[in-house]
Amino acid sequence: MSGMFEGADSPDAEALVRRVIEIIGNAKPLPLSTTVRVEKEEVLELLDDALDRLPTELRQARWMLKERDEYLAKVQREADEILEAARVRAERMVQRTDIVREATHTAERIVEKARDESARLRMEAEDYCDQKLAGFEIVLERTAKTVAAGREKLRATPSPTGDQSLGFHGGAGAPDTSEDGFFDQDD
């Protein structure tokens, strides 16, 4: 019975069922009755062919649905991987930004600390130099006083001869080594 629509260009189950509907819809009523007359053999053959084709078409539909679901899952996995890669990259960029920000902050702290240390060392060096110069000033003042006192003493000490006023003892330019002409700064 199913040989009527077999072949490469055979209609699918839906077309066969639509053909049965068409046959029943176009059937002529029996005279003086509401009952219609249809070709039983033709309708049964169409329905059998439709039933034969349904499992194949259902398998194909299920296969297509499964293939579609697998494709959608693959696309979803790829989308998830792309999103994850973007998230990781964004995190790295944020971390780099944080690292740069932290490094800049650390560098600013180090520079500020170096400036403070430099100012402190400069002030300490100035204080040290001022203390040393004050000490030298005191020594120089004492030395100046001692020199002035020595010169005054030299002016006040009478020399026995005119030559000795220059600090020489009578002869060929030799220094005076006698007790009277010797100057001791500690006196």
C-alpha atoms as a PDB file:
ATOM      1  CA  MET A   1       0.000   0.000   0.000  1.00  0.00           C
ATOM      2  CA  SER A   2       2.814   2.394   0.718  1.00  0.00           C
ATOM      3  CA  GLY A   3       4.232   2.090  -2.810  1.00  0.00           C
ATOM      4  CA  MET A   4       2.136   4.950  -4.193  1.00  0.00           C
ATOM      5  CA  PHE A   5       4.378   7.813  -2.961  1.00  0.00           C
ATOM      6  CA  GLU A   6       7.807   6.186  -2.602  1.00  0.00           C
ATOM      7  CA  GLY A   7      10.933   7.546  -4.306  1.00  0.00           C
ATOM      8  CA  ALA A   8      13.417  10.370  -4.035  1.00  0.00           C
ATOM      9  CA  ASP A   9      10.814  13.109  -4.495  1.00  0.00           C
ATOM     10  CA  SER A  10       8.220  11.538  -2.230  1.00  0.00           C
ATOM     11  CA  PRO A  11       6.165  13.961  -0.133  1.00  0.00           C
ATOM     12  CA  ASP A  12       6.670  14.193   3.611  1.00  0.00           C
ATOM     13  CA  ALA A  13       4.142  13.019   6.202  1.00  0.00           C
ATOM     14  CA  GLU A  14       2.596  16.480   6.516  1.00  0.00           C
ATOM     15  CA  ALA A  15       1.903  16.648   2.773  1.00  0.00           C
ATOM     16  CA  LEU A  16       0.309  13.211   2.879  1.00  0.00           C
ATOM     17  CA  VAL A  17      -1.945  14.168   5.808  1.00  0.00           C
ATOM     18  CA  ARG A  18      -2.907  17.403   4.012  1.00  0.00           C
ATOM     19  CA  ARG A  19      -3.783  15.313   0.917  1.00  0.00           C
ATOM     20  CA  VAL A  20      -6.082  13.134   3.065  1.00  0.00           C
ATOM     21  CA  ILE A  21      -7.732  16.282   4.480  1.00  0.00           C
ATOM     22  CA  GLU A  22      -8.182  17.588   0.954  1.00  0.00           C
ATOM     23  CA  ILE A  23      -9.732  14.302  -0.240  1.00  0.00           C
ATOM     24  CA  ILE A  24     -12.171  14.252   2.665  1.00  0.00           C
ATOM     25  CA  GLY A  25     -12.933  17.968   2.258  1.00  0.00           C
ATOM     26  CA  ASN A  26     -13.676  17.546  -1.460  1.00  0.00           C
ATOM     27  CA  ALA A  27     -15.649  14.319  -1.068  1.00  0.00           C
ATOM     28  CA  LYS A  28     -19.157  14.360  -2.542  1.00  0.00           C
ATOM     29  CA  PRO A  29     -22.042  13.629  -0.246  1.00  0.00           C
ATOM     30  CA  LEU A  30     -24.196  10.624  -0.941  1.00  0.00           C
ATOM     31  CA  PRO A  31     -27.552  11.426  -2.436  1.00  0.00           C
ATOM     32  CA  LEU A  32     -30.181  12.266   0.190  1.00  0.00           C
ATOM     33  CA  SER A  33     -27.598  11.956   2.984  1.00  0.00           C
ATOM     34  CA  THR A  34     -25.009  13.972   4.898  1.00  0.00           C
ATOM     35  CA  THR A  35     -22.543  11.139   4.688  1.00  0.00           C
ATOM     36  CA  VAL A  36     -19.694  11.572   2.249  1.00  0.00           C
ATOM     37  CA  ARG A  37     -18.155   8.967   0.109  1.00  0.00           C
ATOM     38  CA  VAL A  38     -14.363   8.676  -0.010  1.00  0.00           C
ATOM     39  CA  GLU A  39     -12.067   6.217  -1.628  1.00  0.00           C
ATOM     40  CA  LYS A  40     -11.187   4.085   1.315  1.00  0.00           C
ATOM     41  CA  GLU A  41      -8.150   2.516  -0.320  1.00  0.00           C
ATOM     42  CA  GLU A  42      -6.668   5.819  -1.370  1.00  0.00           C
ATOM     43  CA  VAL A  43      -7.139   7.414   2.095  1.00  0.00           C
ATOM     44  CA  LEU A  44      -5.722   4.390   3.922  1.00  0.00           C
ATOM     45  CA  GLU A  45      -2.730   4.250   1.600  1.00  0.00           C
ATOM     46  CA  LEU A  46      -2.000   7.958   2.176  1.00  0.00           C
ATOM     47  CA  LEU A  47      -2.328   7.536   5.952  1.00  0.00           C
ATOM     48  CA  ASP A  48      -0.061   4.458   5.935  1.00  0.00           C
ATOM     49  CA  ASP A  49       2.580   6.338   3.940  1.00  0.00           C
ATOM     50  CA  ALA A  50       2.326   9.246   6.367  1.00  0.00           C
ATOM     51  CA  LEU A  51       2.782   6.878   9.325  1.00  0.00           C
ATOM     52  CA  ASP A  52       5.765   5.252   7.639  1.00  0.00           C
ATOM     53  CA  ARG A  53       7.388   8.612   7.081  1.00  0.00           C
ATOM     54  CA  LEU A  54       6.668  10.048  10.541  1.00  0.00           C
ATOM     55  CA  PRO A  55       9.396   8.133  12.450  1.00  0.00           C
ATOM     56  CA  THR A  56      12.003   9.129   9.833  1.00  0.00           C
ATOM     57  CA  GLU A  57      10.920  12.744   9.887  1.00  0.00           C
ATOM     58  CA  LEU A  58      10.743  12.769  13.661  1.00  0.00           C
ATOM     59  CA  ARG A  59      14.265  11.318  13.824  1.00  0.00           C
ATOM     60  CA  GLN A  60      15.421  13.995  11.385  1.00  0.00           C
ATOM     61  CA  ALA A  61      13.657  16.699  13.382  1.00  0.00           C
ATOM     62  CA  ARG A  62      15.148  15.381  16.627  1.00  0.00           C
ATOM     63  CA  TRP A  63      18.570  15.210  14.988  1.00  0.00           C
ATOM     64  CA  MET A  64      18.182  18.792  13.728  1.00  0.00           C
ATOM     65  CA  LEU A  65      17.048  19.928  17.184  1.00  0.00           C
ATOM     66  CA  LYS A  66      19.985  18.120  18.787  1.00  0.00           C
ATOM     67  CA  GLU A  67      22.366  19.630  16.234  1.00  0.00           C
ATOM     68  CA  ARG A  68      20.883  23.075  16.883  1.00  0.00           C
ATOM     69  CA  ASP A  69      21.215  22.600  20.650  1.00  0.00           C
ATOM     70  CA  GLU A  70      24.836  21.478  20.249  1.00  0.00           C
ATOM     71  CA  TYR A  71      25.539  24.486  18.035  1.00  0.00           C
ATOM     72  CA  LEU A  72      23.905  26.833  20.536  1.00  0.00           C
ATOM     73  CA  ALA A  73      25.875  25.237  23.387  1.00  0.00           C
ATOM     74  CA  LYS A  74      29.109  25.611  21.389  1.00  0.00           C
ATOM     75  CA  VAL A  75      28.326  29.241  20.623  1.00  0.00           C
ATOM     76  CA  GLN A  76      27.432  29.813  24.293  1.00  0.00           C
ATOM     77  CA  ARG A  77      30.750  28.229  25.399  1.00  0.00           C
ATOM     78  CA  GLU A  78      32.638  30.429  22.936  1.00  0.00           C
ATOM     79  CA  ALA A  79      30.751  33.495  24.179  1.00  0.00           C
ATOM     80  CA  ASP A  80      31.519  32.529  27.790  1.00  0.00           C
ATOM     81  CA  GLU A  81      35.212  32.072  26.909  1.00  0.00           C
ATOM     82  CA  ILE A  82      35.285  35.463  25.191  1.00  0.00           C
ATOM     83  CA  LEU A  83      33.604  37.090  28.187  1.00  0.00           C
ATOM     84  CA  GLU A  84      36.005  35.372  30.598  1.00  0.00           C
ATOM     85  CA  ALA A  85      39.008  36.456  28.530  1.00  0.00           C
ATOM     86  CA  ALA A  86      37.661  40.014  28.485  1.00  0.00           C
ATOM     87  CA  ARG A  87      37.087  39.903  32.255  1.00  0.00           C
ATOM     88  CA  VAL A  88      40.625  38.593  32.868  1.00  0.00           C
ATOM     89  CA  ARG A  89      42.074  41.241  30.578  1.00  0.00           C
ATOM     90  CA  ALA A  90      40.060  43.958  32.290  1.00  0.00           C
ATOM     91  CA  GLU A  91      41.263  42.688  35.696  1.00  0.00           C
ATOM     92  CA  ARG A  92      44.872  42.766  34.463  1.00  0.00           C
ATOM     93  CA  MET A  93      44.393  46.301  33.194  1.00  0.00           C
ATOM     94  CA  VAL A  94      42.867  47.337  36.520  1.00  0.00           C
ATOM     95  CA  GLN A  95      45.717  45.634  38.381  1.00  0.00           C
ATOM     96  CA  ARG A  96      48.259  47.379  36.172  1.00  0.00           C
ATOM     97  CA  THR A  97      46.496  50.648  36.839  1.00  0.00           C
ATOM     98  CA  ASP A  98      46.540  49.870  40.570  1.00  0.00           C
ATOM     99  CA  ILE A  99      50.214  48.922  40.378  1.00  0.00           C
ATOM    100  CA  VAL A 100      51.056  52.120  38.513  1.00  0.00           C
ATOM    101  CA  ARG A 101      49.000  54.159  40.977  1.00  0.00           C
ATOM    102  CA  GLU A 102      50.701  52.465  43.942  1.00  0.00           C
ATOM    103  CA  ALA A 103      54.152  52.880  42.359  1.00  0.00           C
ATOM    104  CA  THR A 104      53.454  56.564  41.733  1.00  0.00           C
ATOM    105  CA  HIS A 105      52.275  56.990  45.305  1.00  0.00           C
ATOM    106  CA  THR A 106      55.356  55.171  46.616  1.00  0.00           C
ATOM    107  CA  ALA A 107      57.643  57.274  44.413  1.00  0.00           C
ATOM    108  CA  GLU A 108      56.004  60.460  45.683  1.00  0.00           C
ATOM    109  CA  ARG A 109      56.496  59.325  49.295  1.00  0.00           C
ATOM    110  CA  ILE A 110      60.159  58.481  48.616  1.00  0.00           C
ATOM    111  CA  VAL A 111      60.800  61.838  46.920  1.00  0.00           C
ATOM    112  CA  GLU A 112      59.089  63.705  49.790  1.00  0.00           C
ATOM    113  CA  LYS A 113      61.099  61.735  52.348  1.00  0.00           C
ATOM    114  CA  ALA A 114      64.318  62.498  50.418  1.00  0.00           C
ATOM    115  CA  ARG A 115      63.438  66.209  50.353  1.00  0.00           C
ATOM    116  CA  ASP A 116      62.790  66.179  54.098  1.00  0.00           C
ATOM    117  CA  GLU A 117      66.050  64.317  54.733  1.00  0.00           C
ATOM    118  CA  SER A 118      67.927  66.728  52.457  1.00  0.00           C
ATOM    119  CA  ALA A 119      66.522  69.746  54.303  1.00  0.00           C
ATOM    120  CA  ARG A 120      67.390  68.171  57.670  1.00  0.00           C
ATOM    121  CA  LEU A 121      70.946  67.361  56.557  1.00  0.00           C
ATOM    122  CA  ARG A 122      71.408  70.871  55.137  1.00  0.00           C
ATOM    123  CA  MET A 123      70.276  72.415  58.431  1.00  0.00           C
ATOM    124  CA  GLU A 124      72.562  70.085  60.405  1.00  0.00           C
ATOM    125  CA  ALA A 125      75.489  70.986  58.132  1.00  0.00           C
ATOM    126  CA  GLU A 126      74.753  74.694  58.540  1.00  0.00           C
ATOM    127  CA  ASP A 127      74.567  74.284  62.329  1.00  0.00           C
ATOM    128  CA  TYR A 128      77.848  72.335  62.358  1.00  0.00           C
ATOM    129  CA  CYS A 129      79.598  74.960  60.214  1.00  0.00           C
ATOM    130  CA  ASP A 130      78.184  77.759  62.394  1.00  0.00           C
ATOM    131  CA  GLN A 131      79.478  76.009  65.550  1.00  0.00           C
ATOM    132  CA  LYS A 132      82.923  75.488  64.023  1.00  0.00           C
ATOM    133  CA  LEU A 133      83.089  79.083  62.782  1.00  0.00           C
ATOM    134  CA  ALA A 134      82.045  80.342  66.235  1.00  0.00           C
ATOM    135  CA  GLY A 135      84.851  78.238  67.747  1.00  0.00           C
ATOM    136  CA  PHE A 136      87.339  79.607  65.200  1.00  0.00           C
ATOM    137  CA  GLU A 137      86.110  83.126  65.943  1.00  0.00           C
ATOM    138  CA  ILE A 138      86.805  82.645  69.658  1.00  0.00           C
ATOM    139  CA  VAL A 139      90.274  81.219  68.916  1.00  0.00           C
ATOM    140  CA  LEU A 140      90.990  84.080  66.502  1.00  0.00           C
ATOM    141  CA  GLU A 141      89.832  86.659  69.045  1.00  0.00           C
ATOM    142  CA  ARG A 142      92.123  85.134  71.706  1.00  0.00           C
ATOM    143  CA  THR A 143      94.965  84.978  69.189  1.00  0.00           C
ATOM    144  CA  ALA A 144      94.353  88.601  68.193  1.00  0.00           C
ATOM    145  CA  LYS A 145      94.326  89.624  71.859  1.00  0.00           C
ATOM    146  CA  THR A 146      97.543  87.679  72.485  1.00  0.00           C
ATOM    147  CA  VAL A 147      99.184  89.231  69.427  1.00  0.00           C
ATOM    148  CA  ALA A 148      98.036  92.690  70.516  1.00  0.00           C
ATOM    149  CA  ALA A 149      99.316  92.071  74.064  1.00  0.00           C
ATOM    150  CA  GLY A 150     102.649  90.803  72.724  1.00  0.00           C
ATOM    151  CA  ARG A 151     103.045  93.812  70.499  1.00  0.00           C
ATOM    152  CA  GLU A 152     102.189  96.095  73.379  1.00  0.00           C
ATOM    153  CA  LYS A 153     104.761  94.340  75.536  1.00  0.00           C
ATOM    154  CA  LEU A 154     107.332  94.749  72.788  1.00  0.00           C
ATOM    155  CA  ARG A 155     106.654  98.446  72.603  1.00  0.00           C
ATOM    156  CA  ALA A 156     106.850  98.866  76.367  1.00  0.00           C
ATOM    157  CA  THR A 157     110.154  97.004  76.820  1.00  0.00           C
ATOM    158  CA  PRO A 158     113.090  99.444  76.428  1.00  0.00           C
ATOM    159  CA  SER A 159     115.879  98.198  74.309  1.00  0.00           C
ATOM    160  CA  PRO A 160     119.475  98.784  75.641  1.00  0.00           C
ATOM    161  CA  THR A 161     120.762  99.720  72.206  1.00  0.00           C
ATOM    162  CA  GLY A 162     119.189 101.071  69.074  1.00  0.00           C
ATOM    163  CA  ASP A 163     119.948  97.878  67.103  1.00  0.00           C
ATOM    164  CA  GLN A 164     118.048  95.735  69.470  1.00  0.00           C
ATOM    165  CA  SER A 165     114.834  97.519  68.772  1.00  0.00           C
ATOM    166  CA  LEU A 166     114.568  95.370  65.729  1.00  0.00           C
ATOM    167  CA  GLY A 167     115.015  92.240  67.815  1.00  0.00           C
ATOM    168  CA  PHE A 168     118.606  91.562  66.776  1.00  0.00           C
ATOM    169  CA  HIS A 169     121.505  91.162  69.106  1.00  0.00           C
ATOM    170  CA  GLY A 170     124.420  93.128  67.901  1.00  0.00           C
ATOM    171  CA  GLY A 171     125.667  91.065  65.105  1.00  0.00           C
ATOM    172  CA  ALA A 172     125.172  89.754  61.588  1.00  0.00           C
ATOM    173  CA  GLY A 173     121.408  89.374  61.641  1.00  0.00           C
ATOM    174  CA  ALA A 174     121.239  86.500  64.103  1.00  0.00           C
ATOM    175  CA  PRO A 175     118.088  86.409  66.211  1.00  0.00           C
ATOM    176  CA  ASP A 176     118.230  87.504  69.799  1.00  0.00           C
ATOM    177  CA  THR A 177     118.492  84.452  72.024  1.00  0.00           C
ATOM    178  CA  SER A 178     119.186  86.230  75.280  1.00  0.00           C
ATOM    179  CA  GLU A 179     116.727  86.195  78.118  1.00  0.00           C
ATOM    180  CA  ASP A 180     116.023  89.880  77.826  1.00  0.00           C
ATOM    181  CA  GLY A 181     115.090  89.871  74.128  1.00  0.00           C
ATOM    182  CA  PHE A 182     113.120  86.594  74.007  1.00  0.00           C
ATOM    183  CA  PHE A 183     109.311  86.899  73.757  1.00  0.00           C
ATOM    184  CA  ASP A 184     107.138  84.262  75.333  1.00  0.00           C
ATOM    185  CA  GLN A 185     103.508  84.527  74.344  1.00  0.00           C
ATOM    186  CA  ASP A 186     102.400  82.789  77.528  1.00  0.00           C
ATOM    187  CA  ASP A 187     103.673  85.611  79.817  1.00  0.00           C
END
